[in-house]
Amino acid sequence: MLQMLADRGALSPFSPVPPTLSQPRANTLAGPLLPPRTVVFLEGLARSPQYRVVDGCVATAQTLADGRRQIIDLVGPGRLIGLGFGDHNRYSAETLGFTRLEAVHETMAEGERETALGEMLARSQALVMLLGRKTAPERVASAVLDLAAQFGRPARSKRRGAVTFHLYPTRGDLADWLGLTVETVSRCFTRLKKAGLIDIQHGDLITLLEPQQLAGVAAGDRSLSH
């Protein structure tokens, strides 16, 4: 279901993690459980080792001199951070929830680095399209679908296809990812909930009630009433 939604034009090709990236390998070293808002590495400093996210969520971001931040990606289990070229980090990485990482040695499985770099490029291109052309509701719907694909599990609901996930990013994090204000992100969540497409419990537990219709909003095929 989630793969089909990604194909329909969410933050496409934001989609479930490829099998080649989802399984820890023998050439890794598991690390401790990191609390939320732990800085893994900083932009501009000497290149960090590469890590795989085992549990939790990591935000990668670049920051302007005046403190304005653009979140580049929200990275879930099975995916890699620290990829890149050159001697310095091109971005910073910070945990958004209790997160466990494992260090990945240079001797990764054949093709794994290329696959991860290809996914990173595809997601960056999708983010450019989102920031340049999508409306605010389309952006938030796309983000919800992407996060459900990375963190979702079947909901405790009789509704067919319902998916639930923990919302690691705050409204401020989402605003910095989607190029919106916090107020606009909150309004879009309210509109999606009023439209019966999602449910929100305790502020950080999201359930997709109508994934196909939500994908239609993300793709610009379906509008939301005000």
C-alpha atoms as a PDB file:
ATOM      1  CA  MET A   1       0.000   0.000   0.000  1.00  0.00           C
ATOM      2  CA  LEU A   2       2.673   2.543   1.006  1.00  0.00           C
ATOM      3  CA  GLN A   3       4.818   1.784  -2.037  1.00  0.00           C
ATOM      4  CA  MET A   4       1.781   2.382  -4.252  1.00  0.00           C
ATOM      5  CA  LEU A   5       1.163   5.725  -2.548  1.00  0.00           C
ATOM      6  CA  ALA A   6       4.763   6.761  -3.110  1.00  0.00           C
ATOM      7  CA  ASP A   7       4.406   5.913  -6.782  1.00  0.00           C
ATOM      8  CA  ARG A   8       1.300   8.104  -7.012  1.00  0.00           C
ATOM      9  CA  GLY A   9       3.254  11.285  -6.335  1.00  0.00           C
ATOM     10  CA  ALA A  10       3.844  11.846  -2.646  1.00  0.00           C
ATOM     11  CA  LEU A  11       7.272  13.280  -1.882  1.00  0.00           C
ATOM     12  CA  SER A  12       8.165  10.825  -4.653  1.00  0.00           C
ATOM     13  CA  PRO A  13      10.449   8.949  -4.772  1.00  0.00           C
ATOM     14  CA  PHE A  14      10.233   9.111  -0.966  1.00  0.00           C
ATOM     15  CA  SER A  15       9.213   5.537  -0.336  1.00  0.00           C
ATOM     16  CA  PRO A  16       9.872   2.572   1.965  1.00  0.00           C
ATOM     17  CA  VAL A  17      13.540   1.751   2.494  1.00  0.00           C
ATOM     18  CA  PRO A  18      15.025  -0.529  -0.173  1.00  0.00           C
ATOM     19  CA  PRO A  19      15.799  -4.023   1.178  1.00  0.00           C
ATOM     20  CA  THR A  20      19.522  -3.507   0.513  1.00  0.00           C
ATOM     21  CA  LEU A  21      19.597  -0.760   3.149  1.00  0.00           C
ATOM     22  CA  SER A  22      17.210  -2.106   5.744  1.00  0.00           C
ATOM     23  CA  GLN A  23      19.237  -4.925   7.265  1.00  0.00           C
ATOM     24  CA  PRO A  24      22.259  -4.379   9.550  1.00  0.00           C
ATOM     25  CA  ARG A  25      25.415  -6.082   8.338  1.00  0.00           C
ATOM     26  CA  ALA A  26      28.270  -7.852  10.062  1.00  0.00           C
ATOM     27  CA  ASN A  27      30.724  -5.022   9.312  1.00  0.00           C
ATOM     28  CA  THR A  28      28.958  -2.531  11.614  1.00  0.00           C
ATOM     29  CA  LEU A  29      29.367  -1.473  15.229  1.00  0.00           C
ATOM     30  CA  ALA A  30      26.155  -0.772  17.127  1.00  0.00           C
ATOM     31  CA  GLY A  31      26.160   2.371  19.242  1.00  0.00           C
ATOM     32  CA  PRO A  32      24.293   3.501  22.389  1.00  0.00           C
ATOM     33  CA  LEU A  33      20.741   4.774  22.503  1.00  0.00           C
ATOM     34  CA  LEU A  34      20.921   8.526  21.891  1.00  0.00           C
ATOM     35  CA  PRO A  35      18.359  10.906  23.437  1.00  0.00           C
ATOM     36  CA  PRO A  36      16.373  13.381  21.332  1.00  0.00           C
ATOM     37  CA  ARG A  37      18.221  16.463  20.034  1.00  0.00           C
ATOM     38  CA  THR A  38      21.622  14.806  20.139  1.00  0.00           C
ATOM     39  CA  VAL A  39      23.961  16.315  17.536  1.00  0.00           C
ATOM     40  CA  VAL A  40      25.552  13.453  15.612  1.00  0.00           C
ATOM     41  CA  PHE A  41      27.840  15.688  13.551  1.00  0.00           C
ATOM     42  CA  LEU A  42      28.037  19.332  12.486  1.00  0.00           C
ATOM     43  CA  GLU A  43      28.116  21.011   9.105  1.00  0.00           C
ATOM     44  CA  GLY A  44      31.538  22.327   8.148  1.00  0.00           C
ATOM     45  CA  LEU A  45      33.587  20.122  10.461  1.00  0.00           C
ATOM     46  CA  ALA A  46      35.897  17.296   9.382  1.00  0.00           C
ATOM     47  CA  ARG A  47      34.014  14.445   7.722  1.00  0.00           C
ATOM     48  CA  SER A  48      32.092  12.252  10.116  1.00  0.00           C
ATOM     49  CA  PRO A  49      31.955   8.467   9.842  1.00  0.00           C
ATOM     50  CA  GLN A  50      28.954   7.004   8.072  1.00  0.00           C
ATOM     51  CA  TYR A  51      26.117   5.655  10.190  1.00  0.00           C
ATOM     52  CA  ARG A  52      23.034   3.551   9.645  1.00  0.00           C
ATOM     53  CA  VAL A  53      19.894   4.410  11.605  1.00  0.00           C
ATOM     54  CA  VAL A  54      18.793   1.311  13.524  1.00  0.00           C
ATOM     55  CA  ASP A  55      15.889   2.859  15.461  1.00  0.00           C
ATOM     56  CA  GLY A  56      14.501   6.370  15.715  1.00  0.00           C
ATOM     57  CA  CYS A  57      14.838   9.364  13.420  1.00  0.00           C
ATOM     58  CA  VAL A  58      17.638  11.713  12.355  1.00  0.00           C
ATOM     59  CA  ALA A  59      17.217  15.121  10.718  1.00  0.00           C
ATOM     60  CA  THR A  60      19.913  16.300   8.312  1.00  0.00           C
ATOM     61  CA  ALA A  61      20.045  20.049   7.756  1.00  0.00           C
ATOM     62  CA  GLN A  62      22.002  23.045   6.534  1.00  0.00           C
ATOM     63  CA  THR A  63      21.929  26.391   8.357  1.00  0.00           C
ATOM     64  CA  LEU A  64      22.499  29.967   7.175  1.00  0.00           C
ATOM     65  CA  ALA A  65      24.689  32.409   9.107  1.00  0.00           C
ATOM     66  CA  ASP A  66      21.591  34.066  10.635  1.00  0.00           C
ATOM     67  CA  GLY A  67      20.304  30.762  11.995  1.00  0.00           C
ATOM     68  CA  ARG A  68      17.694  29.947   9.367  1.00  0.00           C
ATOM     69  CA  ARG A  69      17.601  26.204   8.814  1.00  0.00           C
ATOM     70  CA  GLN A  70      16.632  23.993   5.899  1.00  0.00           C
ATOM     71  CA  ILE A  71      16.054  20.367   6.832  1.00  0.00           C
ATOM     72  CA  ILE A  72      17.291  18.297   3.916  1.00  0.00           C
ATOM     73  CA  ASP A  73      15.866  14.958   4.987  1.00  0.00           C
ATOM     74  CA  LEU A  74      14.296  13.007   7.822  1.00  0.00           C
ATOM     75  CA  VAL A  75      16.049   9.662   7.980  1.00  0.00           C
ATOM     76  CA  GLY A  76      14.463   6.526   9.400  1.00  0.00           C
ATOM     77  CA  PRO A  77      15.595   2.969  10.189  1.00  0.00           C
ATOM     78  CA  GLY A  78      17.746   1.220   7.609  1.00  0.00           C
ATOM     79  CA  ARG A  79      18.968   4.390   5.904  1.00  0.00           C
ATOM     80  CA  LEU A  80      22.451   5.907   5.992  1.00  0.00           C
ATOM     81  CA  ILE A  81      23.710   9.323   7.091  1.00  0.00           C
ATOM     82  CA  GLY A  82      27.156  10.832   6.623  1.00  0.00           C
ATOM     83  CA  LEU A  83      27.289  10.098   2.910  1.00  0.00           C
ATOM     84  CA  GLY A  84      29.034  12.609   0.689  1.00  0.00           C
ATOM     85  CA  PHE A  85      32.288  13.774  -0.801  1.00  0.00           C
ATOM     86  CA  GLY A  86      35.123  16.007   0.331  1.00  0.00           C
ATOM     87  CA  ASP A  87      36.889  16.459   3.653  1.00  0.00           C
ATOM     88  CA  HIS A  88      34.105  18.276   5.512  1.00  0.00           C
ATOM     89  CA  ASN A  89      30.471  17.590   6.386  1.00  0.00           C
ATOM     90  CA  ARG A  90      28.073  19.255   3.953  1.00  0.00           C
ATOM     91  CA  TYR A  91      25.267  19.164   6.518  1.00  0.00           C
ATOM     92  CA  SER A  92      24.534  18.595  10.204  1.00  0.00           C
ATOM     93  CA  ALA A  93      22.695  15.618  11.697  1.00  0.00           C
ATOM     94  CA  GLU A  94      20.548  15.609  14.841  1.00  0.00           C
ATOM     95  CA  THR A  95      18.328  12.960  16.438  1.00  0.00           C
ATOM     96  CA  LEU A  96      14.619  13.794  16.719  1.00  0.00           C
ATOM     97  CA  GLY A  97      13.739  10.991  19.114  1.00  0.00           C
ATOM     98  CA  PHE A  98      15.462   8.237  21.038  1.00  0.00           C
ATOM     99  CA  THR A  99      17.701   6.866  18.307  1.00  0.00           C
ATOM    100  CA  ARG A 100      20.241   4.100  17.894  1.00  0.00           C
ATOM    101  CA  LEU A 101      22.917   4.316  15.219  1.00  0.00           C
ATOM    102  CA  GLU A 102      25.560   1.887  14.060  1.00  0.00           C
ATOM    103  CA  ALA A 103      28.859   2.889  12.517  1.00  0.00           C
ATOM    104  CA  VAL A 104      29.334   1.600   9.002  1.00  0.00           C
ATOM    105  CA  HIS A 105      32.859   0.696   7.958  1.00  0.00           C
ATOM    106  CA  GLU A 106      34.257   1.707   4.594  1.00  0.00           C
ATOM    107  CA  THR A 107      34.013  -1.923   3.501  1.00  0.00           C
ATOM    108  CA  MET A 108      30.262  -1.816   2.942  1.00  0.00           C
ATOM    109  CA  ALA A 109      28.544  -4.460   0.890  1.00  0.00           C
ATOM    110  CA  GLU A 110      29.148  -4.063  -2.818  1.00  0.00           C
ATOM    111  CA  GLY A 111      26.780  -1.527  -4.297  1.00  0.00           C
ATOM    112  CA  GLU A 112      25.337  -0.396  -0.964  1.00  0.00           C
ATOM    113  CA  ARG A 113      26.989   3.024  -1.013  1.00  0.00           C
ATOM    114  CA  GLU A 114      25.944   3.605  -4.633  1.00  0.00           C
ATOM    115  CA  THR A 115      22.370   2.619  -3.812  1.00  0.00           C
ATOM    116  CA  ALA A 116      22.286   4.948  -0.813  1.00  0.00           C
ATOM    117  CA  LEU A 117      23.763   7.838  -2.806  1.00  0.00           C
ATOM    118  CA  GLY A 118      21.209   7.266  -5.557  1.00  0.00           C
ATOM    119  CA  GLU A 119      18.364   7.357  -3.046  1.00  0.00           C
ATOM    120  CA  MET A 120      19.765  10.523  -1.458  1.00  0.00           C
ATOM    121  CA  LEU A 121      19.947  12.220  -4.869  1.00  0.00           C
ATOM    122  CA  ALA A 122      16.412  11.155  -5.782  1.00  0.00           C
ATOM    123  CA  ARG A 123      15.034  12.452  -2.477  1.00  0.00           C
ATOM    124  CA  SER A 124      16.892  15.751  -2.920  1.00  0.00           C
ATOM    125  CA  GLN A 125      15.369  16.163  -6.379  1.00  0.00           C
ATOM    126  CA  ALA A 126      11.917  15.389  -4.969  1.00  0.00           C
ATOM    127  CA  LEU A 127      12.432  18.029  -2.268  1.00  0.00           C
ATOM    128  CA  VAL A 128      13.328  20.629  -4.915  1.00  0.00           C
ATOM    129  CA  MET A 129      10.055  19.887  -6.720  1.00  0.00           C
ATOM    130  CA  LEU A 130       8.116  20.055  -3.461  1.00  0.00           C
ATOM    131  CA  LEU A 131       9.630  23.390  -2.407  1.00  0.00           C
ATOM    132  CA  GLY A 132       9.365  24.910  -5.872  1.00  0.00           C
ATOM    133  CA  ARG A 133       5.939  23.824  -7.075  1.00  0.00           C
ATOM    134  CA  LYS A 134       3.716  22.238  -4.439  1.00  0.00           C
ATOM    135  CA  THR A 135       1.117  24.066  -2.368  1.00  0.00           C
ATOM    136  CA  ALA A 136       1.180  23.977   1.430  1.00  0.00           C
ATOM    137  CA  PRO A 137      -1.451  21.179   1.750  1.00  0.00           C
ATOM    138  CA  GLU A 138       0.362  19.172  -0.941  1.00  0.00           C
ATOM    139  CA  ARG A 139       3.644  19.559   0.950  1.00  0.00           C
ATOM    140  CA  VAL A 140       2.218  18.464   4.296  1.00  0.00           C
ATOM    141  CA  ALA A 141       0.345  15.541   2.714  1.00  0.00           C
ATOM    142  CA  SER A 142       3.567  14.471   0.967  1.00  0.00           C
ATOM    143  CA  ALA A 143       5.473  14.636   4.245  1.00  0.00           C
ATOM    144  CA  VAL A 144       2.847  12.586   6.080  1.00  0.00           C
ATOM    145  CA  LEU A 145       3.003   9.892   3.405  1.00  0.00           C
ATOM    146  CA  ASP A 146       6.792   9.806   3.473  1.00  0.00           C
ATOM    147  CA  LEU A 147       6.938   9.521   7.267  1.00  0.00           C
ATOM    148  CA  ALA A 148       4.273   6.807   7.212  1.00  0.00           C
ATOM    149  CA  ALA A 149       6.360   4.888   4.667  1.00  0.00           C
ATOM    150  CA  GLN A 150       9.441   5.109   6.902  1.00  0.00           C
ATOM    151  CA  PHE A 151       7.887   4.672  10.358  1.00  0.00           C
ATOM    152  CA  GLY A 152       4.357   3.333   9.823  1.00  0.00           C
ATOM    153  CA  ARG A 153       2.756   0.190  11.149  1.00  0.00           C
ATOM    154  CA  PRO A 154      -0.764  -1.198  10.684  1.00  0.00           C
ATOM    155  CA  ALA A 155      -3.196   0.827  12.778  1.00  0.00           C
ATOM    156  CA  ARG A 156      -5.377  -0.681  15.476  1.00  0.00           C
ATOM    157  CA  SER A 157      -8.364   0.198  13.377  1.00  0.00           C
ATOM    158  CA  LYS A 158     -11.020  -1.719  11.502  1.00  0.00           C
ATOM    159  CA  ARG A 159     -10.564   0.659   8.584  1.00  0.00           C
ATOM    160  CA  ARG A 160      -8.821  -1.155   5.749  1.00  0.00           C
ATOM    161  CA  GLY A 161      -5.373   0.220   4.906  1.00  0.00           C
ATOM    162  CA  ALA A 162      -5.090   2.490   7.970  1.00  0.00           C
ATOM    163  CA  VAL A 163      -1.467   3.138   9.001  1.00  0.00           C
ATOM    164  CA  THR A 164      -0.161   4.684  12.243  1.00  0.00           C
ATOM    165  CA  PHE A 165       3.220   6.271  12.961  1.00  0.00           C
ATOM    166  CA  HIS A 166       4.931   8.309  15.666  1.00  0.00           C
ATOM    167  CA  LEU A 167       5.567  11.859  14.480  1.00  0.00           C
ATOM    168  CA  TYR A 168       9.206  12.455  15.440  1.00  0.00           C
ATOM    169  CA  PRO A 169       9.562  15.984  14.014  1.00  0.00           C
ATOM    170  CA  THR A 170       7.896  18.925  15.747  1.00  0.00           C
ATOM    171  CA  ARG A 171       5.752  21.350  13.794  1.00  0.00           C
ATOM    172  CA  GLY A 172       8.847  23.579  13.688  1.00  0.00           C
ATOM    173  CA  ASP A 173      10.947  20.779  12.232  1.00  0.00           C
ATOM    174  CA  LEU A 174       8.305  20.149   9.586  1.00  0.00           C
ATOM    175  CA  ALA A 175       8.204  23.858   8.765  1.00  0.00           C
ATOM    176  CA  ASP A 176      11.985  23.860   8.256  1.00  0.00           C
ATOM    177  CA  TRP A 177      11.683  20.774   6.041  1.00  0.00           C
ATOM    178  CA  LEU A 178       8.749  21.916   3.930  1.00  0.00           C
ATOM    179  CA  GLY A 179       9.563  25.621   3.604  1.00  0.00           C
ATOM    180  CA  LEU A 180       6.448  26.714   5.530  1.00  0.00           C
ATOM    181  CA  THR A 181       5.645  28.514   8.772  1.00  0.00           C
ATOM    182  CA  VAL A 182       4.717  26.610  11.918  1.00  0.00           C
ATOM    183  CA  GLU A 183       1.232  28.114  11.742  1.00  0.00           C
ATOM    184  CA  THR A 184       0.728  26.914   8.167  1.00  0.00           C
ATOM    185  CA  VAL A 185       1.865  23.391   9.031  1.00  0.00           C
ATOM    186  CA  SER A 186      -0.592  23.301  11.947  1.00  0.00           C
ATOM    187  CA  ARG A 187      -3.449  24.590   9.760  1.00  0.00           C
ATOM    188  CA  CYS A 188      -2.735  21.944   7.126  1.00  0.00           C
ATOM    189  CA  PHE A 189      -2.811  19.175   9.741  1.00  0.00           C
ATOM    190  CA  THR A 190      -6.143  20.533  10.976  1.00  0.00           C
ATOM    191  CA  ARG A 191      -7.555  20.559   7.436  1.00  0.00           C
ATOM    192  CA  LEU A 192      -6.364  17.000   6.756  1.00  0.00           C
ATOM    193  CA  LYS A 193      -7.977  15.872   9.995  1.00  0.00           C
ATOM    194  CA  LYS A 194     -11.258  17.687   9.293  1.00  0.00           C
ATOM    195  CA  ALA A 195     -11.318  16.085   5.831  1.00  0.00           C
ATOM    196  CA  GLY A 196     -11.175  12.673   7.494  1.00  0.00           C
ATOM    197  CA  LEU A 197      -7.861  11.752   5.875  1.00  0.00           C
ATOM    198  CA  ILE A 198      -5.819  11.496   9.084  1.00  0.00           C
ATOM    199  CA  ASP A 199      -6.347  11.266  12.831  1.00  0.00           C
ATOM    200  CA  ILE A 200      -4.059  12.883  15.407  1.00  0.00           C
ATOM    201  CA  GLN A 201      -3.783  11.635  18.984  1.00  0.00           C
ATOM    202  CA  HIS A 202      -1.696  13.238  21.728  1.00  0.00           C
ATOM    203  CA  GLY A 203      -0.127  15.510  19.108  1.00  0.00           C
ATOM    204  CA  ASP A 204       2.438  12.979  17.910  1.00  0.00           C
ATOM    205  CA  LEU A 205       0.561   9.832  16.893  1.00  0.00           C
ATOM    206  CA  ILE A 206      -0.710  10.086  13.334  1.00  0.00           C
ATOM    207  CA  THR A 207      -3.059   7.601  11.679  1.00  0.00           C
ATOM    208  CA  LEU A 208      -3.653   7.602   7.929  1.00  0.00           C
ATOM    209  CA  LEU A 209      -7.357   6.906   7.541  1.00  0.00           C
ATOM    210  CA  GLU A 210      -7.602   7.373   3.779  1.00  0.00           C
ATOM    211  CA  PRO A 211      -4.112   6.801   2.314  1.00  0.00           C
ATOM    212  CA  GLN A 212      -5.233   6.861  -1.313  1.00  0.00           C
ATOM    213  CA  GLN A 213      -7.095  10.137  -0.929  1.00  0.00           C
ATOM    214  CA  LEU A 214      -4.148  11.596   0.964  1.00  0.00           C
ATOM    215  CA  ALA A 215      -1.907  10.580  -1.935  1.00  0.00           C
ATOM    216  CA  GLY A 216      -4.299  12.429  -4.224  1.00  0.00           C
ATOM    217  CA  VAL A 217      -3.808  15.607  -2.178  1.00  0.00           C
ATOM    218  CA  ALA A 218      -0.021  15.154  -2.259  1.00  0.00           C
ATOM    219  CA  ALA A 219      -0.071  14.739  -6.029  1.00  0.00           C
ATOM    220  CA  GLY A 220      -2.344  17.747  -6.587  1.00  0.00           C
ATOM    221  CA  ASP A 221      -5.218  15.555  -7.829  1.00  0.00           C
ATOM    222  CA  ARG A 222      -7.498  16.337  -4.885  1.00  0.00           C
ATOM    223  CA  SER A 223      -8.153  19.645  -3.137  1.00  0.00           C
ATOM    224  CA  LEU A 224      -9.027  20.257   0.497  1.00  0.00           C
ATOM    225  CA  SER A 225     -12.015  22.337   1.553  1.00  0.00           C
ATOM    226  CA  HIS A 226     -11.175  25.372   3.660  1.00  0.00           C
END
